[in-house]
Protein backbone atom coordinates (compact mmCIF):
# COMPACT_ATOMS: atom_id res chain seq x y z
CA UNK A 1 8.08 -33.96 -9.12
CA UNK A 2 8.46 -37.78 -9.68
CA UNK A 3 7.29 -40.61 -10.50
CA UNK A 4 8.67 -43.57 -7.74
CA UNK A 5 6.76 -45.74 -7.66
CA UNK A 6 4.98 -44.65 -10.52
CA UNK A 7 3.68 -48.37 -12.04
CA UNK A 8 4.19 -47.65 -15.35
CA UNK A 9 8.00 -46.78 -15.37
CA UNK A 10 9.90 -49.59 -16.23
CA UNK A 11 13.16 -50.89 -15.34
CA UNK A 12 15.03 -49.73 -19.20
CA UNK A 13 13.25 -46.22 -19.23
CA UNK A 14 15.16 -44.91 -15.00
CA UNK A 15 18.23 -44.50 -15.54
CA UNK A 16 21.07 -46.53 -14.04
CA UNK A 17 21.97 -45.78 -10.16
CA UNK A 18 18.94 -45.13 -9.20
CA UNK A 19 17.16 -47.58 -5.87
CA UNK A 20 13.89 -48.84 -6.92
CA UNK A 21 10.55 -48.79 -3.51
CA UNK A 22 7.50 -50.15 -3.74
CA UNK A 23 7.41 -53.16 -6.15
CA UNK A 24 10.07 -54.42 -7.85
CA UNK A 25 8.88 -52.77 -11.45
CA UNK A 26 9.13 -48.65 -10.15
CA UNK A 27 12.63 -47.45 -9.03
CA UNK A 28 11.96 -44.38 -7.26
CA UNK A 29 13.74 -41.28 -9.15
CA UNK A 30 15.58 -39.93 -7.16
CA UNK A 31 20.35 -39.71 -7.26
CA UNK A 32 20.19 -40.60 -3.58
CA UNK A 33 19.41 -44.54 -1.94
CA UNK A 34 17.21 -42.64 0.66
CA UNK A 35 13.75 -45.12 1.31
CA UNK A 36 12.95 -41.34 2.80
CA UNK A 37 13.25 -39.16 -0.26
CA UNK A 38 11.81 -41.60 -1.94
CA UNK A 39 8.74 -41.77 0.33
CA UNK A 40 8.83 -37.56 0.30
CA UNK A 41 8.57 -38.26 -3.18
CA UNK A 42 5.84 -40.15 -3.44
CA UNK A 43 3.93 -37.53 -0.89
CA UNK A 44 4.91 -35.06 -2.95
CA UNK A 45 3.01 -36.88 -6.15
CA UNK A 46 -0.18 -37.93 -4.28
CA UNK A 47 -0.63 -34.30 -2.87
CA UNK A 48 -0.59 -33.24 -6.33
CA UNK A 49 -2.83 -36.32 -7.75
CA UNK A 50 -5.13 -35.19 -5.60
CA UNK A 51 -5.00 -32.08 -6.63
CA UNK A 52 -5.86 -32.46 -9.93
CA UNK A 53 -9.11 -34.63 -8.94
CA UNK A 54 -10.33 -31.90 -6.03
CA UNK A 55 -9.73 -30.24 -9.35
CA UNK A 56 -11.46 -32.13 -11.46
CA UNK A 57 -14.62 -32.68 -9.53
CA UNK A 58 -16.15 -29.23 -8.96
CA UNK A 59 -15.67 -29.01 -12.90
CA UNK A 60 -18.04 -31.32 -13.25
CA UNK A 61 -20.25 -30.45 -10.63
CA UNK A 62 -20.46 -27.19 -12.27
CA UNK A 63 -20.25 -27.89 -15.58
CA UNK A 64 -23.17 -30.19 -15.36
CA UNK A 65 -24.75 -26.84 -14.05
CA UNK A 66 -24.46 -24.78 -15.94
CA UNK A 67 -25.20 -26.80 -18.66
CA UNK A 68 -26.99 -30.14 -17.44
CA UNK A 69 -30.02 -29.85 -18.67
CA UNK A 70 -28.80 -29.32 -21.91
CA UNK A 71 -26.43 -32.38 -22.62
CA UNK A 72 -29.34 -34.54 -20.35
CA UNK A 73 -31.32 -33.01 -24.28
CA UNK A 74 -28.51 -33.28 -26.42
CA UNK A 75 -27.96 -37.40 -24.03
CA UNK A 76 -31.61 -37.73 -25.57
CA UNK A 77 -30.94 -37.59 -28.52
CA UNK A 78 -27.78 -39.60 -29.40
CA UNK A 79 -29.86 -42.12 -27.92
CA UNK A 80 -32.73 -42.42 -30.24
CA UNK A 81 -30.77 -41.89 -33.29
CA UNK A 82 -28.73 -44.83 -32.17
CA UNK A 83 -31.78 -46.80 -31.61
CA UNK A 84 -32.64 -45.72 -34.53
CA UNK A 85 -29.62 -46.70 -36.45
CA UNK A 86 -29.30 -50.20 -34.39
CA UNK A 87 -33.24 -51.18 -35.89
CA UNK A 88 -31.48 -50.24 -39.32
CA UNK A 89 -28.52 -52.48 -38.74
CA UNK A 90 -30.71 -55.87 -37.18
CA UNK A 91 -33.18 -54.73 -39.80
CA UNK A 92 -30.09 -54.97 -42.54
CA UNK A 93 -29.26 -58.04 -41.72
CA UNK A 94 -31.95 -59.78 -41.27
CA UNK A 95 -32.87 -58.97 -45.66
CA UNK A 96 -29.18 -60.06 -46.24
CA UNK A 97 -30.41 -63.23 -43.68
CA UNK A 98 -33.51 -63.77 -46.07
CA UNK A 99 -31.46 -63.41 -49.40
CA UNK A 100 -29.65 -66.08 -48.50
CA UNK A 101 -31.99 -67.30 -46.56
CA UNK A 102 -34.21 -68.23 -50.31
CA UNK A 103 -30.68 -68.44 -52.21
CA UNK A 104 -30.62 -71.57 -49.71
CA UNK A 105 -34.38 -72.81 -50.42
CA UNK A 106 -33.47 -72.04 -53.97
CA UNK A 107 -30.38 -74.35 -54.27
CA UNK A 108 -32.18 -77.21 -52.68
CA UNK A 109 -34.90 -76.94 -54.75
CA UNK A 110 -33.09 -76.81 -58.62
CA UNK A 111 -30.93 -79.82 -56.83
CA UNK A 112 -33.67 -81.77 -55.82
CA UNK A 113 -35.87 -81.31 -58.51
CA UNK A 114 -37.36 -83.64 -61.11
CA UNK A 115 -36.50 -82.45 -64.98
């Protein structure tokens, strides 16, 4: 299948002699200078893309039906685990800040203290 009007293609990667179509970034990969050939290539590519999207949608529905409840429970377990980890990281930051605050107060106390 062609990559006509594929926005990921660049002028450097396109063989010479190919015509531009759609925009200045994309090149029509057919050997013909015909915009009709380019349009036909785009339709073939779009058909393949649409077919893949339908396949993905069908599989998503079947996966959800077969394993949805287990995946929901797994997602809940992940959220609980990540929540505990997040709280732990926040507690570590608070402990480090408390230590830093103490050192700063001690520093100020020692510098201002009369001997």
